[in-house]
Amino acid sequence: MPLIRSLLHMLWLILTVIPWALFVVIASLFVNSTTMYWMCARWLKLAVDSGTVILGIQNRVTGMENLPTGEKSAAVLLVKHQSTWETLTMPAIMPHPLAYVFKKELLYIPFFGWAMARMDMIHIDRSQRTQAFSKVVEQGKRLMAQGTWVIMFPEGTRINRGQKGVYKSGGTRLAIETGAPVIPIAVTSAKCWPRKAFIKKPGIVDISIGKPIPSAGRKPDELMREVEAWIEAEMRRLDPEAYAGRDAVPARPRS
């Protein structure tokens, strides 16, 4: 049954992304970037809702009250990355437009990449590290000034359930450069949608949004260590069986 559900969901995504992407490419000639974003976010919400109906995957979100409330309030969201699920989910649940920082190669994906190219996001060339980060800062300042939050996966790639990648300081460097607070977010998506797995399982994905961490006066590595400590402790609280037998992390009281 999980195989059939997974096939149906994949088919649903393929059948809907083609007309959506073509519509977005044409509409981009006539509407502004904010309108374009919400048009795209509606398809992502459709993808998530279809995942609930077809795959049986449900989101349980906590900590929404920790998000900045001002219309132009800036934020850098740093998210645990376990699968494609959180990439689809974040725009579907966040009250502000988001700008992902991603490698430019994704723009070459037929239909999906073409639509992404029409959105006001930050696509970088990873082979040019210095220039890439300068572009992130430049575009990040512009986007956050207009009320768009920048979202990054600090581990850089999808990580297997119960494991931890290397947290890179690009997100905290951006926050310090722009003066924006950092919002750490833990996600247990691999319980239902494992990394690089085609077959998905029904269940609940916990999305826990932490309190904003001010970036003023901080150093990038030090700030990232605080983000890493919060996310990894929260992951162990949300999904303890995934970490059974691994090195213990001291419990962190929730406030």
Protein backbone atom coordinates (compact mmCIF):
# COMPACT_ATOMS: atom_id res chain seq x y z
CA MET A 1 0.00 0.00 0.00
CA PRO A 2 2.76 2.57 0.76
CA LEU A 3 4.22 1.91 -2.71
CA ILE A 4 0.87 2.54 -4.40
CA ARG A 5 0.32 5.71 -2.35
CA SER A 6 3.79 6.95 -3.20
CA LEU A 7 3.24 6.30 -6.91
CA LEU A 8 -0.09 8.12 -6.82
CA HIS A 9 1.39 11.12 -5.04
CA MET A 10 4.30 11.36 -7.45
CA LEU A 11 1.90 11.13 -10.39
CA TRP A 12 -0.27 13.84 -8.84
CA LEU A 13 2.75 16.15 -8.45
CA ILE A 14 3.87 15.58 -12.04
CA LEU A 15 0.40 16.13 -13.50
CA THR A 16 -0.16 19.35 -11.55
CA VAL A 17 3.33 20.88 -11.77
CA ILE A 18 3.31 21.05 -15.57
CA PRO A 19 0.27 23.33 -16.05
CA TRP A 20 1.17 25.26 -12.88
CA ALA A 21 4.71 25.97 -14.08
CA LEU A 22 3.54 27.04 -17.53
CA PHE A 23 0.95 29.33 -15.96
CA VAL A 24 3.59 30.84 -13.63
CA VAL A 25 6.00 31.53 -16.48
CA ILE A 26 3.30 33.37 -18.42
CA ALA A 27 1.88 35.17 -15.35
CA SER A 28 5.34 36.42 -14.38
CA LEU A 29 5.16 38.82 -17.31
CA PHE A 30 2.22 40.63 -15.74
CA VAL A 31 2.39 40.41 -11.91
CA ASN A 32 4.85 41.56 -9.24
CA SER A 33 7.19 39.29 -7.27
CA THR A 34 4.99 39.12 -4.16
CA THR A 35 1.94 38.03 -6.13
CA MET A 36 4.12 35.55 -7.98
CA TYR A 37 5.34 34.09 -4.69
CA TRP A 38 1.84 33.49 -3.31
CA MET A 39 0.75 31.94 -6.59
CA CYS A 40 3.61 29.47 -6.26
CA ALA A 41 2.98 28.92 -2.55
CA ARG A 42 -0.56 27.80 -3.38
CA TRP A 43 0.79 24.94 -5.50
CA LEU A 44 3.20 23.99 -2.70
CA LYS A 45 0.28 23.93 -0.27
CA LEU A 46 -1.57 21.74 -2.75
CA ALA A 47 1.46 19.41 -2.82
CA VAL A 48 1.48 19.23 0.99
CA ASP A 49 -2.30 18.77 1.25
CA SER A 50 -2.15 15.98 -1.33
CA GLY A 51 0.60 14.39 0.76
CA THR A 52 -1.78 14.39 3.70
CA VAL A 53 -4.65 12.90 1.69
CA ILE A 54 -2.70 10.40 -0.42
CA LEU A 55 0.33 9.56 1.75
CA GLY A 56 -1.21 10.09 5.17
CA ILE A 57 1.53 12.53 6.24
CA GLN A 58 0.32 15.21 8.65
CA ASN A 59 2.17 18.25 9.96
CA ARG A 60 2.09 19.15 13.65
CA VAL A 61 3.45 22.69 13.97
CA THR A 62 4.43 24.29 17.28
CA GLY A 63 6.02 27.64 18.01
CA MET A 64 4.26 29.80 15.41
CA GLU A 65 4.05 32.47 18.12
CA ASN A 66 7.86 32.73 17.96
CA LEU A 67 7.81 34.17 14.44
CA PRO A 68 8.23 37.95 14.01
CA THR A 69 4.87 39.68 13.55
CA GLY A 70 5.73 42.95 11.80
CA GLU A 71 4.89 43.25 8.12
CA LYS A 72 8.49 44.17 7.31
CA SER A 73 10.17 42.30 10.19
CA ALA A 74 13.31 40.52 9.01
CA ALA A 75 14.27 36.92 9.82
CA VAL A 76 16.66 34.20 8.73
CA LEU A 77 15.07 30.76 9.11
CA LEU A 78 17.56 27.93 9.71
CA VAL A 79 15.85 24.58 9.23
CA LYS A 80 16.79 20.95 9.88
CA HIS A 81 16.83 19.19 6.50
CA GLN A 82 15.80 15.53 6.25
CA SER A 83 13.71 15.33 3.09
CA THR A 84 11.87 17.17 0.33
CA TRP A 85 8.85 17.45 2.63
CA GLU A 86 10.04 20.54 4.54
CA THR A 87 11.01 22.23 1.28
CA LEU A 88 7.37 21.94 0.21
CA THR A 89 5.92 22.66 3.63
CA MET A 90 7.67 25.85 4.74
CA PRO A 91 6.08 28.17 2.14
CA ALA A 92 2.74 26.47 2.80
CA ILE A 93 2.72 27.33 6.52
CA MET A 94 4.71 30.58 6.83
CA PRO A 95 2.86 33.93 6.98
CA HIS A 96 5.61 35.81 5.09
CA PRO A 97 7.09 35.24 1.65
CA LEU A 98 10.24 33.14 1.81
CA ALA A 99 13.39 33.27 -0.29
CA TYR A 100 15.34 30.03 -0.46
CA VAL A 101 19.09 30.06 -0.97
CA PHE A 102 19.78 27.25 -3.43
CA LYS A 103 22.24 26.08 -6.07
CA LYS A 104 21.51 27.42 -9.54
CA GLU A 105 21.47 23.90 -11.04
CA LEU A 106 17.92 23.47 -9.68
CA LEU A 107 16.72 26.04 -12.21
CA TYR A 108 17.38 23.53 -14.99
CA ILE A 109 14.80 21.03 -13.72
CA PRO A 110 11.99 20.98 -16.32
CA PHE A 111 8.86 22.89 -15.31
CA PHE A 112 9.60 23.12 -11.54
CA GLY A 113 12.94 24.84 -12.13
CA TRP A 114 11.47 27.11 -14.78
CA ALA A 115 8.86 28.33 -12.30
CA MET A 116 11.51 28.82 -9.60
CA ALA A 117 13.50 30.97 -12.00
CA ARG A 118 10.55 33.38 -12.13
CA MET A 119 10.50 33.78 -8.34
CA ASP A 120 12.55 36.31 -6.39
CA MET A 121 14.89 33.84 -4.71
CA ILE A 122 18.67 33.59 -4.20
CA HIS A 123 20.31 31.09 -6.53
CA ILE A 124 24.06 30.78 -6.27
CA ASP A 125 27.04 29.22 -8.00
CA ARG A 126 28.68 27.07 -5.33
CA SER A 127 31.94 26.94 -7.27
CA GLN A 128 32.42 30.66 -6.60
CA ARG A 129 32.21 30.77 -2.81
CA THR A 130 33.24 34.38 -2.15
CA GLN A 131 31.08 35.83 -4.90
CA ALA A 132 28.23 33.52 -3.92
CA PHE A 133 28.12 34.75 -0.34
CA SER A 134 28.35 38.38 -1.46
CA LYS A 135 25.31 37.72 -3.63
CA VAL A 136 23.47 36.14 -0.69
CA VAL A 137 24.12 39.21 1.49
CA GLU A 138 23.24 41.70 -1.25
CA GLN A 139 19.99 39.99 -2.20
CA GLY A 140 19.21 39.02 1.39
CA LYS A 141 19.28 42.68 2.49
CA ARG A 142 17.00 43.68 -0.37
CA LEU A 143 14.52 40.86 0.22
CA MET A 144 14.32 41.31 3.98
CA ALA A 145 13.80 45.06 3.56
CA GLN A 146 10.61 44.26 1.67
CA GLY A 147 9.35 41.73 4.24
CA THR A 148 10.66 38.50 2.73
CA TRP A 149 12.33 36.02 5.08
CA VAL A 150 15.42 34.15 3.93
CA ILE A 151 15.37 30.40 4.58
CA MET A 152 18.45 28.17 4.60
CA PHE A 153 19.35 24.59 5.50
CA PRO A 154 22.56 24.98 7.53
CA GLU A 155 23.61 21.35 7.02
CA GLY A 156 23.57 22.01 3.29
CA THR A 157 21.95 18.74 2.27
CA ARG A 158 19.37 16.20 3.43
CA ILE A 159 20.47 14.23 6.48
CA ASN A 160 19.39 10.72 7.46
CA ARG A 161 17.05 10.31 10.41
CA GLY A 162 18.90 10.31 13.72
CA GLN A 163 22.05 11.80 12.22
CA LYS A 164 23.65 15.25 12.20
CA GLY A 165 25.44 16.97 9.36
CA VAL A 166 28.04 19.71 9.51
CA TYR A 167 26.36 23.01 10.35
CA LYS A 168 27.82 25.72 8.13
CA SER A 169 27.81 29.34 9.25
CA GLY A 170 26.48 30.95 6.05
CA GLY A 171 23.05 31.55 7.57
CA THR A 172 24.38 33.16 10.72
CA ARG A 173 26.83 35.25 8.70
CA LEU A 174 23.89 36.55 6.68
CA ALA A 175 21.92 37.29 9.85
CA ILE A 176 24.83 39.24 11.36
CA GLU A 177 25.44 41.17 8.12
CA THR A 178 21.77 42.17 7.90
CA GLY A 179 20.99 42.51 11.62
CA ALA A 180 18.17 39.99 11.32
CA PRO A 181 17.36 37.49 14.09
CA VAL A 182 17.81 33.77 13.49
CA ILE A 183 14.84 31.41 13.84
CA PRO A 184 15.92 27.77 14.42
CA ILE A 185 13.46 25.13 13.22
CA ALA A 186 13.51 21.38 13.92
CA VAL A 187 11.71 19.01 11.51
CA THR A 188 11.16 15.24 11.85
CA SER A 189 10.18 14.61 8.22
CA ALA A 190 12.39 11.53 7.81
CA LYS A 191 10.00 9.53 9.98
CA CYS A 192 7.61 9.58 7.01
CA TRP A 193 9.70 10.67 4.03
CA PRO A 194 13.26 9.30 4.44
CA ARG A 195 16.15 10.92 2.62
CA LYS A 196 16.16 9.95 -1.09
CA ALA A 197 13.40 7.38 -0.50
CA PHE A 198 10.65 6.89 -3.04
CA ILE A 199 8.31 5.02 -0.69
CA LYS A 200 6.82 7.24 2.01
CA LYS A 201 5.04 6.22 5.21
CA PRO A 202 1.98 7.76 6.87
CA GLY A 203 2.54 9.53 10.16
CA ILE A 204 3.05 12.87 11.87
CA VAL A 205 5.87 15.27 11.01
CA ASP A 206 6.70 17.58 13.89
CA ILE A 207 7.80 21.09 12.98
CA SER A 208 9.08 23.00 16.01
CA ILE A 209 9.85 26.71 15.63
CA GLY A 210 12.27 28.10 18.19
CA LYS A 211 12.41 31.58 19.66
CA PRO A 212 14.29 34.25 17.69
CA ILE A 213 17.99 34.49 18.50
CA PRO A 214 19.35 38.05 18.11
CA SER A 215 22.38 38.31 15.84
CA ALA A 216 23.69 41.72 16.96
CA GLY A 217 27.19 41.56 18.41
CA ARG A 218 27.55 37.84 17.72
CA LYS A 219 30.18 35.89 15.82
CA PRO A 220 28.96 33.59 13.02
CA ASP A 221 30.45 30.35 14.36
CA GLU A 222 29.36 31.03 17.92
CA LEU A 223 25.82 31.87 16.82
CA MET A 224 25.66 28.76 14.63
CA ARG A 225 26.74 26.58 17.55
CA GLU A 226 23.77 27.92 19.51
CA VAL A 227 21.44 27.22 16.58
CA GLU A 228 22.88 23.71 16.18
CA ALA A 229 22.53 22.96 19.90
CA TRP A 230 18.88 24.02 19.90
CA ILE A 231 17.93 22.13 16.76
CA GLU A 232 19.72 18.91 17.68
CA ALA A 233 18.36 18.89 21.25
CA GLU A 234 14.87 19.54 19.90
CA MET A 235 15.24 16.74 17.36
CA ARG A 236 16.04 14.31 20.16
CA ARG A 237 13.02 15.50 22.12
CA LEU A 238 10.68 15.17 19.14
CA ASP A 239 12.03 11.88 17.76
CA PRO A 240 13.79 10.08 20.65
CA GLU A 241 13.67 6.62 19.06
CA ALA A 242 15.78 7.84 16.13
CA TYR A 243 18.59 8.69 18.56
CA ALA A 244 18.35 5.66 20.82
CA GLY A 245 21.82 4.27 21.48
CA ARG A 246 23.56 7.36 20.16
CA ASP A 247 25.58 9.79 22.23
CA ALA A 248 23.27 11.43 24.70
CA VAL A 249 22.57 15.13 24.43
CA PRO A 250 21.63 16.90 27.67
CA ALA A 251 17.92 17.61 27.89
CA ARG A 252 16.99 21.20 27.19
CA PRO A 253 13.99 22.56 29.10
CA ARG A 254 11.31 24.10 26.91
CA SER A 255 10.19 27.57 27.82
